[in-house]
Amino acid sequence: MCRNIRQLHNFEPPATPDEVHAAALQYVRKVAGATKPSQRNQAAFDRAVEAVAAATAALLDELVTAAPPRDRETEAAKAKERARIRYAS
């Protein structure tokens, strides 16, 4: 599950709230050990996702770097090439 969490810091344009929420959801799913909580645990699950998303957004706002921002499309192309090499048969 956690393989879907992407690095969100130091990209241009910055991470969107949807990307932050998706990363938080994946994190909570991994910690909880379930992709879909039971009805009984849904409220706790949703609160955890919102708390992790808020903490992630705060972290991204406070992080500083001297490195130039990376381009999302370039990074995606690099990842595709690594995957092509890794999974080539």
C-alpha atoms as a PDB file:
ATOM      1  CA  MET A   1       0.000   0.000   0.000  1.00  0.00           C
ATOM      2  CA  CYS A   2       2.698   2.539   0.906  1.00  0.00           C
ATOM      3  CA  ARG A   3       4.295   2.291  -2.507  1.00  0.00           C
ATOM      4  CA  ASN A   4       1.622   4.713  -3.682  1.00  0.00           C
ATOM      5  CA  ILE A   5       2.796   7.484  -1.378  1.00  0.00           C
ATOM      6  CA  ARG A   6       4.771   9.909  -3.490  1.00  0.00           C
ATOM      7  CA  GLN A   7       7.284  12.518  -2.420  1.00  0.00           C
ATOM      8  CA  LEU A   8       5.450  15.833  -2.215  1.00  0.00           C
ATOM      9  CA  HIS A   9       8.198  18.271  -1.218  1.00  0.00           C
ATOM     10  CA  ASN A  10      10.107  20.562  -3.574  1.00  0.00           C
ATOM     11  CA  PHE A  11       8.013  20.265  -6.721  1.00  0.00           C
ATOM     12  CA  GLU A  12       6.795  22.969  -9.019  1.00  0.00           C
ATOM     13  CA  PRO A  13       3.836  23.415  -8.889  1.00  0.00           C
ATOM     14  CA  PRO A  14       3.537  22.545  -5.183  1.00  0.00           C
ATOM     15  CA  ALA A  15       1.535  19.554  -3.964  1.00  0.00           C
ATOM     16  CA  THR A  16      -2.207  20.025  -4.141  1.00  0.00           C
ATOM     17  CA  PRO A  17      -4.549  19.360  -1.214  1.00  0.00           C
ATOM     18  CA  ASP A  18      -5.797  16.291  -3.120  1.00  0.00           C
ATOM     19  CA  GLU A  19      -2.259  14.874  -3.319  1.00  0.00           C
ATOM     20  CA  VAL A  20      -1.719  15.515   0.391  1.00  0.00           C
ATOM     21  CA  HIS A  21      -5.034  13.813   1.213  1.00  0.00           C
ATOM     22  CA  ALA A  22      -4.207  10.809  -1.006  1.00  0.00           C
ATOM     23  CA  ALA A  23      -0.845  10.364   0.739  1.00  0.00           C
ATOM     24  CA  ALA A  24      -2.523  10.639   4.148  1.00  0.00           C
ATOM     25  CA  LEU A  25      -5.132   8.060   3.130  1.00  0.00           C
ATOM     26  CA  GLN A  26      -2.450   5.605   2.006  1.00  0.00           C
ATOM     27  CA  TYR A  27      -0.518   6.108   5.235  1.00  0.00           C
ATOM     28  CA  VAL A  28      -3.582   5.497   7.420  1.00  0.00           C
ATOM     29  CA  ARG A  29      -4.533   2.438   5.353  1.00  0.00           C
ATOM     30  CA  LYS A  30      -1.056   1.000   5.889  1.00  0.00           C
ATOM     31  CA  VAL A  31      -1.038   1.684   9.633  1.00  0.00           C
ATOM     32  CA  ALA A  32      -4.590   0.372  10.067  1.00  0.00           C
ATOM     33  CA  GLY A  33      -3.891  -2.688   7.941  1.00  0.00           C
ATOM     34  CA  ALA A  34      -7.070  -2.217   5.938  1.00  0.00           C
ATOM     35  CA  THR A  35      -7.954  -0.442   2.740  1.00  0.00           C
ATOM     36  CA  LYS A  36     -11.546   0.003   3.857  1.00  0.00           C
ATOM     37  CA  PRO A  37     -12.412   0.223   7.542  1.00  0.00           C
ATOM     38  CA  SER A  38     -15.503  -1.384   9.015  1.00  0.00           C
ATOM     39  CA  GLN A  39     -18.539   0.817   9.567  1.00  0.00           C
ATOM     40  CA  ARG A  40     -17.721   0.857  13.248  1.00  0.00           C
ATOM     41  CA  ASN A  41     -14.200   2.204  12.615  1.00  0.00           C
ATOM     42  CA  GLN A  42     -15.032   4.596   9.762  1.00  0.00           C
ATOM     43  CA  ALA A  43     -15.195   7.740  11.928  1.00  0.00           C
ATOM     44  CA  ALA A  44     -11.845   7.040  13.590  1.00  0.00           C
ATOM     45  CA  PHE A  45     -10.323   6.244  10.200  1.00  0.00           C
ATOM     46  CA  ASP A  46     -11.616   9.512   8.699  1.00  0.00           C
ATOM     47  CA  ARG A  47     -10.340  11.552  11.675  1.00  0.00           C
ATOM     48  CA  ALA A  48      -6.918   9.945  11.319  1.00  0.00           C
ATOM     49  CA  VAL A  49      -6.766  10.747   7.597  1.00  0.00           C
ATOM     50  CA  GLU A  50      -7.663  14.391   8.266  1.00  0.00           C
ATOM     51  CA  ALA A  51      -5.096  14.657  11.082  1.00  0.00           C
ATOM     52  CA  VAL A  52      -2.323  13.145   8.953  1.00  0.00           C
ATOM     53  CA  ALA A  53      -3.264  15.380   6.006  1.00  0.00           C
ATOM     54  CA  ALA A  54      -3.139  18.471   8.242  1.00  0.00           C
ATOM     55  CA  ALA A  55       0.232  17.439   9.678  1.00  0.00           C
ATOM     56  CA  THR A  56       1.568  16.763   6.173  1.00  0.00           C
ATOM     57  CA  ALA A  57       0.380  20.133   4.870  1.00  0.00           C
ATOM     58  CA  ALA A  58       1.973  21.891   7.861  1.00  0.00           C
ATOM     59  CA  LEU A  59       5.238  20.021   7.297  1.00  0.00           C
ATOM     60  CA  LEU A  60       5.325  20.883   3.591  1.00  0.00           C
ATOM     61  CA  ASP A  61       4.664  24.564   4.412  1.00  0.00           C
ATOM     62  CA  GLU A  62       7.592  24.674   6.849  1.00  0.00           C
ATOM     63  CA  LEU A  63      10.226  22.706   4.939  1.00  0.00           C
ATOM     64  CA  VAL A  64      13.003  24.771   3.346  1.00  0.00           C
ATOM     65  CA  THR A  65      15.507  23.699   0.710  1.00  0.00           C
ATOM     66  CA  ALA A  66      18.265  25.280  -1.330  1.00  0.00           C
ATOM     67  CA  ALA A  67      17.696  22.834  -4.186  1.00  0.00           C
ATOM     68  CA  PRO A  68      15.757  24.055  -7.203  1.00  0.00           C
ATOM     69  CA  PRO A  69      12.199  22.711  -7.489  1.00  0.00           C
ATOM     70  CA  ARG A  70      11.795  19.558  -9.552  1.00  0.00           C
ATOM     71  CA  ASP A  71       9.454  19.197 -12.474  1.00  0.00           C
ATOM     72  CA  ARG A  72       6.709  16.594 -12.020  1.00  0.00           C
ATOM     73  CA  GLU A  73       6.708  15.482 -15.644  1.00  0.00           C
ATOM     74  CA  THR A  74      10.484  14.966 -15.687  1.00  0.00           C
ATOM     75  CA  GLU A  75      10.356  12.937 -12.473  1.00  0.00           C
ATOM     76  CA  ALA A  76       7.455  10.849 -13.822  1.00  0.00           C
ATOM     77  CA  ALA A  77       9.422  10.117 -17.006  1.00  0.00           C
ATOM     78  CA  LYS A  78      12.428   9.018 -14.928  1.00  0.00           C
ATOM     79  CA  ALA A  79      10.201   6.718 -12.854  1.00  0.00           C
ATOM     80  CA  LYS A  80       8.690   5.184 -15.989  1.00  0.00           C
ATOM     81  CA  GLU A  81      12.149   4.506 -17.386  1.00  0.00           C
ATOM     82  CA  ARG A  82      13.267   2.872 -14.115  1.00  0.00           C
ATOM     83  CA  ALA A  83      10.135   0.709 -14.137  1.00  0.00           C
ATOM     84  CA  ARG A  84      10.677  -0.242 -17.780  1.00  0.00           C
ATOM     85  CA  ILE A  85      14.219  -1.367 -16.994  1.00  0.00           C
ATOM     86  CA  ARG A  86      13.190  -3.168 -13.815  1.00  0.00           C
ATOM     87  CA  TYR A  87      10.265  -5.061 -15.358  1.00  0.00           C
ATOM     88  CA  ALA A  88      11.701  -5.709 -18.817  1.00  0.00           C
ATOM     89  CA  SER A  89      11.605  -9.372 -19.711  1.00  0.00           C
END
